[in-house]
Amino acid sequence: ERLFDMGAKPKVLDKKGNCLLHYMAGYGRKDFFEYLQEKGLDTLLNHVNEDGQTPLDVARVNLSSATVADDCREVLALLKGAGATGKQTTEDDEAKFEEVREKKKREESVNAARSALMALAAQSGDGEASASSSSSAAAPAEEKEEKE
């Protein structure tokens, strides 16, 4: 708000054609939505950036990111309620992006469990290796004694 109070222009686009609504949608910042509408950005509700994405598309794509998915879900509802449409994505894609995020989450859990198991195996393997090497070192000495 302060930037706008100082004269910043709300409808300025970045070098890739993104408007503030693209950023608001991408970061899931629902708290800015109403304010941006008051500033007249609802005219950019379906603005397409150089990647061919509207703010709604950006929010949908970010459903696959665990860090902002919950916030993007709320922004999606606001954008849809205001009449936003997607150019590259559909409502069916929302489920796919959610699925991708869940799959990543499962893979991270499996990888963490695998790493933990490998660390445990390495620890127990070191203990067995030390015990077996000390017992094999004693065995030849015993054999020598028996031969004499």
C-alpha atoms as a PDB file:
ATOM      1  CA  GLU A   1       0.000   0.000   0.000  1.00  0.00           C
ATOM      2  CA  ARG A   2       2.803   2.345   0.887  1.00  0.00           C
ATOM      3  CA  LEU A   3       4.328   2.067  -2.580  1.00  0.00           C
ATOM      4  CA  PHE A   4       1.025   2.978  -4.167  1.00  0.00           C
ATOM      5  CA  ASP A   5       0.636   5.889  -1.755  1.00  0.00           C
ATOM      6  CA  MET A   6       4.029   7.103  -2.963  1.00  0.00           C
ATOM      7  CA  GLY A   7       2.920   6.978  -6.597  1.00  0.00           C
ATOM      8  CA  ALA A   8       3.740   3.451  -7.786  1.00  0.00           C
ATOM      9  CA  LYS A   9       1.632   2.425 -10.752  1.00  0.00           C
ATOM     10  CA  PRO A  10      -0.309  -0.788 -10.042  1.00  0.00           C
ATOM     11  CA  LYS A  11      -0.782  -1.775 -13.690  1.00  0.00           C
ATOM     12  CA  VAL A  12       2.913  -1.877 -14.593  1.00  0.00           C
ATOM     13  CA  LEU A  13       4.146  -5.149 -16.117  1.00  0.00           C
ATOM     14  CA  ASP A  14       7.566  -6.694 -15.557  1.00  0.00           C
ATOM     15  CA  LYS A  15       9.862  -7.646 -18.447  1.00  0.00           C
ATOM     16  CA  LYS A  16       8.084 -11.008 -18.814  1.00  0.00           C
ATOM     17  CA  GLY A  17       4.634  -9.451 -18.944  1.00  0.00           C
ATOM     18  CA  ASN A  18       3.624 -10.363 -15.389  1.00  0.00           C
ATOM     19  CA  CYS A  19       1.341  -7.996 -13.532  1.00  0.00           C
ATOM     20  CA  LEU A  20       0.904  -7.794  -9.773  1.00  0.00           C
ATOM     21  CA  LEU A  21      -1.928 -10.333 -10.003  1.00  0.00           C
ATOM     22  CA  HIS A  22       0.515 -12.920 -11.397  1.00  0.00           C
ATOM     23  CA  TYR A  23       2.771 -12.417  -8.382  1.00  0.00           C
ATOM     24  CA  MET A  24      -0.129 -12.379  -5.939  1.00  0.00           C
ATOM     25  CA  ALA A  25      -1.384 -15.652  -7.437  1.00  0.00           C
ATOM     26  CA  GLY A  26       2.046 -17.283  -7.585  1.00  0.00           C
ATOM     27  CA  TYR A  27       2.848 -16.590  -3.964  1.00  0.00           C
ATOM     28  CA  GLY A  28      -0.680 -17.274  -2.761  1.00  0.00           C
ATOM     29  CA  ARG A  29      -1.049 -13.808  -1.245  1.00  0.00           C
ATOM     30  CA  LYS A  30      -4.825 -13.654  -0.882  1.00  0.00           C
ATOM     31  CA  ASP A  31      -4.468 -10.680   1.452  1.00  0.00           C
ATOM     32  CA  PHE A  32      -3.523  -8.479  -1.540  1.00  0.00           C
ATOM     33  CA  PHE A  33      -6.352  -9.552  -3.817  1.00  0.00           C
ATOM     34  CA  GLU A  34      -9.047  -7.163  -2.615  1.00  0.00           C
ATOM     35  CA  TYR A  35      -6.584  -4.285  -2.457  1.00  0.00           C
ATOM     36  CA  LEU A  36      -5.424  -4.927  -6.025  1.00  0.00           C
ATOM     37  CA  GLN A  37      -9.040  -5.018  -7.185  1.00  0.00           C
ATOM     38  CA  GLU A  38      -9.584  -1.617  -5.574  1.00  0.00           C
ATOM     39  CA  LYS A  39      -6.581  -0.342  -7.531  1.00  0.00           C
ATOM     40  CA  GLY A  40      -8.228  -1.402 -10.789  1.00  0.00           C
ATOM     41  CA  LEU A  41      -6.223  -4.524 -11.429  1.00  0.00           C
ATOM     42  CA  ASP A  42      -9.374  -6.532 -12.047  1.00  0.00           C
ATOM     43  CA  THR A  43      -8.969  -5.325 -15.644  1.00  0.00           C
ATOM     44  CA  LEU A  44      -5.820  -7.493 -15.709  1.00  0.00           C
ATOM     45  CA  LEU A  45      -7.573 -10.515 -14.213  1.00  0.00           C
ATOM     46  CA  ASN A  46      -7.060 -12.533 -17.418  1.00  0.00           C
ATOM     47  CA  HIS A  47      -3.867 -10.818 -18.587  1.00  0.00           C
ATOM     48  CA  VAL A  48      -1.538 -13.275 -20.336  1.00  0.00           C
ATOM     49  CA  ASN A  49       2.219 -13.059 -19.649  1.00  0.00           C
ATOM     50  CA  GLU A  50       4.974 -14.029 -22.122  1.00  0.00           C
ATOM     51  CA  ASP A  51       4.689 -17.658 -20.986  1.00  0.00           C
ATOM     52  CA  GLY A  52       1.020 -17.623 -22.009  1.00  0.00           C
ATOM     53  CA  GLN A  53      -0.198 -17.753 -18.407  1.00  0.00           C
ATOM     54  CA  THR A  54      -2.938 -15.808 -16.685  1.00  0.00           C
ATOM     55  CA  PRO A  55      -2.793 -15.238 -12.916  1.00  0.00           C
ATOM     56  CA  LEU A  56      -5.149 -18.232 -12.559  1.00  0.00           C
ATOM     57  CA  ASP A  57      -2.690 -20.423 -14.498  1.00  0.00           C
ATOM     58  CA  VAL A  58       0.152 -19.311 -12.221  1.00  0.00           C
ATOM     59  CA  ALA A  59      -1.830 -20.180  -9.095  1.00  0.00           C
ATOM     60  CA  ARG A  60      -2.757 -23.603 -10.522  1.00  0.00           C
ATOM     61  CA  VAL A  61       0.833 -24.448 -11.445  1.00  0.00           C
ATOM     62  CA  ASN A  62       1.973 -23.541  -7.937  1.00  0.00           C
ATOM     63  CA  LEU A  63      -0.391 -26.122  -6.458  1.00  0.00           C
ATOM     64  CA  SER A  64       2.500 -28.520  -7.081  1.00  0.00           C
ATOM     65  CA  SER A  65       4.703 -26.571  -4.643  1.00  0.00           C
ATOM     66  CA  ALA A  66       4.366 -27.702  -1.042  1.00  0.00           C
ATOM     67  CA  THR A  67       5.461 -24.315   0.289  1.00  0.00           C
ATOM     68  CA  VAL A  68       2.596 -22.306  -1.247  1.00  0.00           C
ATOM     69  CA  ALA A  69      -0.044 -24.876  -2.246  1.00  0.00           C
ATOM     70  CA  ASP A  70      -2.447 -24.125   0.605  1.00  0.00           C
ATOM     71  CA  ASP A  71      -2.272 -20.379  -0.016  1.00  0.00           C
ATOM     72  CA  CYS A  72      -2.638 -20.822  -3.781  1.00  0.00           C
ATOM     73  CA  ARG A  73      -5.782 -22.890  -3.241  1.00  0.00           C
ATOM     74  CA  GLU A  74      -7.378 -19.921  -1.483  1.00  0.00           C
ATOM     75  CA  VAL A  75      -6.232 -17.510  -4.205  1.00  0.00           C
ATOM     76  CA  LEU A  76      -7.715 -19.826  -6.839  1.00  0.00           C
ATOM     77  CA  ALA A  77     -11.105 -19.517  -5.194  1.00  0.00           C
ATOM     78  CA  LEU A  78     -10.837 -15.712  -5.152  1.00  0.00           C
ATOM     79  CA  LEU A  79      -9.722 -15.527  -8.782  1.00  0.00           C
ATOM     80  CA  LYS A  80     -12.472 -17.863  -9.965  1.00  0.00           C
ATOM     81  CA  GLY A  81     -15.040 -15.906  -7.969  1.00  0.00           C
ATOM     82  CA  ALA A  82     -13.926 -12.742  -9.762  1.00  0.00           C
ATOM     83  CA  GLY A  83     -14.303 -14.409 -13.173  1.00  0.00           C
ATOM     84  CA  ALA A  84     -10.685 -15.306 -13.927  1.00  0.00           C
ATOM     85  CA  THR A  85      -9.973 -17.912 -16.586  1.00  0.00           C
ATOM     86  CA  GLY A  86      -6.919 -19.944 -17.459  1.00  0.00           C
ATOM     87  CA  LYS A  87      -5.235 -20.034 -20.849  1.00  0.00           C
ATOM     88  CA  GLN A  88      -2.896 -22.977 -20.317  1.00  0.00           C
ATOM     89  CA  THR A  89      -4.583 -24.837 -17.500  1.00  0.00           C
ATOM     90  CA  THR A  90      -8.020 -26.140 -16.642  1.00  0.00           C
ATOM     91  CA  GLU A  91      -9.801 -27.196 -13.475  1.00  0.00           C
ATOM     92  CA  ASP A  92      -8.782 -30.787 -14.282  1.00  0.00           C
ATOM     93  CA  ASP A  93      -5.157 -29.651 -14.144  1.00  0.00           C
ATOM     94  CA  GLU A  94      -5.620 -28.501 -10.549  1.00  0.00           C
ATOM     95  CA  ALA A  95      -6.008 -32.120  -9.459  1.00  0.00           C
ATOM     96  CA  LYS A  96      -2.921 -33.093 -11.473  1.00  0.00           C
ATOM     97  CA  PHE A  97      -0.803 -30.389  -9.835  1.00  0.00           C
ATOM     98  CA  GLU A  98      -2.033 -31.472  -6.398  1.00  0.00           C
ATOM     99  CA  GLU A  99      -1.145 -35.065  -7.316  1.00  0.00           C
ATOM    100  CA  VAL A 100       2.368 -34.031  -8.370  1.00  0.00           C
ATOM    101  CA  ARG A 101       2.876 -32.277  -5.028  1.00  0.00           C
ATOM    102  CA  GLU A 102       1.654 -35.341  -3.107  1.00  0.00           C
ATOM    103  CA  LYS A 103       3.914 -37.606  -5.167  1.00  0.00           C
ATOM    104  CA  LYS A 104       6.926 -35.381  -4.428  1.00  0.00           C
ATOM    105  CA  LYS A 105       6.014 -35.464  -0.746  1.00  0.00           C
ATOM    106  CA  ARG A 106       5.839 -39.281  -0.752  1.00  0.00           C
ATOM    107  CA  GLU A 107       9.148 -39.540  -2.626  1.00  0.00           C
ATOM    108  CA  GLU A 108      10.815 -37.250  -0.086  1.00  0.00           C
ATOM    109  CA  SER A 109       9.477 -39.417   2.751  1.00  0.00           C
ATOM    110  CA  VAL A 110      10.687 -42.612   1.074  1.00  0.00           C
ATOM    111  CA  ASN A 111      14.114 -41.097   0.400  1.00  0.00           C
ATOM    112  CA  ALA A 112      14.407 -39.922   4.010  1.00  0.00           C
ATOM    113  CA  ALA A 113      13.457 -43.385   5.283  1.00  0.00           C
ATOM    114  CA  ARG A 114      15.909 -45.024   2.871  1.00  0.00           C
ATOM    115  CA  SER A 115      18.714 -42.727   4.027  1.00  0.00           C
ATOM    116  CA  ALA A 116      17.944 -43.472   7.667  1.00  0.00           C
ATOM    117  CA  LEU A 117      17.971 -47.223   7.008  1.00  0.00           C
ATOM    118  CA  MET A 118      21.244 -47.003   5.108  1.00  0.00           C
ATOM    119  CA  ALA A 119      22.802 -45.034   7.970  1.00  0.00           C
ATOM    120  CA  LEU A 120      21.648 -47.667  10.459  1.00  0.00           C
ATOM    121  CA  ALA A 121      22.934 -50.463   8.239  1.00  0.00           C
ATOM    122  CA  ALA A 122      26.285 -48.726   7.913  1.00  0.00           C
ATOM    123  CA  GLN A 123      26.547 -48.325  11.684  1.00  0.00           C
ATOM    124  CA  SER A 124      25.715 -51.961  12.373  1.00  0.00           C
ATOM    125  CA  GLY A 125      27.950 -53.053   9.502  1.00  0.00           C
ATOM    126  CA  ASP A 126      30.938 -51.210  11.025  1.00  0.00           C
ATOM    127  CA  GLY A 127      30.430 -52.949  14.357  1.00  0.00           C
ATOM    128  CA  GLU A 128      30.278 -56.394  12.728  1.00  0.00           C
ATOM    129  CA  ALA A 129      33.312 -55.663  10.590  1.00  0.00           C
ATOM    130  CA  SER A 130      35.354 -54.710  13.668  1.00  0.00           C
ATOM    131  CA  ALA A 131      34.279 -57.830  15.551  1.00  0.00           C
ATOM    132  CA  SER A 132      34.940 -60.174  12.627  1.00  0.00           C
ATOM    133  CA  SER A 133      38.347 -58.669  11.873  1.00  0.00           C
ATOM    134  CA  SER A 134      39.499 -59.063  15.475  1.00  0.00           C
ATOM    135  CA  SER A 135      38.289 -62.683  15.631  1.00  0.00           C
ATOM    136  CA  SER A 136      39.953 -63.568  12.326  1.00  0.00           C
ATOM    137  CA  ALA A 137      43.222 -62.071  13.557  1.00  0.00           C
ATOM    138  CA  ALA A 138      43.127 -64.373  16.579  1.00  0.00           C
ATOM    139  CA  ALA A 139      42.348 -67.492  14.540  1.00  0.00           C
ATOM    140  CA  PRO A 140      45.748 -67.886  12.833  1.00  0.00           C
ATOM    141  CA  ALA A 141      47.529 -67.656  16.177  1.00  0.00           C
ATOM    142  CA  GLU A 142      45.392 -70.481  17.554  1.00  0.00           C
ATOM    143  CA  GLU A 143      46.120 -72.610  14.477  1.00  0.00           C
ATOM    144  CA  LYS A 144      49.873 -72.121  14.943  1.00  0.00           C
ATOM    145  CA  GLU A 145      49.668 -73.283  18.545  1.00  0.00           C
ATOM    146  CA  GLU A 146      47.849 -76.477  17.550  1.00  0.00           C
ATOM    147  CA  LYS A 147      50.484 -77.361  14.918  1.00  0.00           C
ATOM    148  CA  GLU A 148      53.405 -77.104  17.343  1.00  0.00           C
END
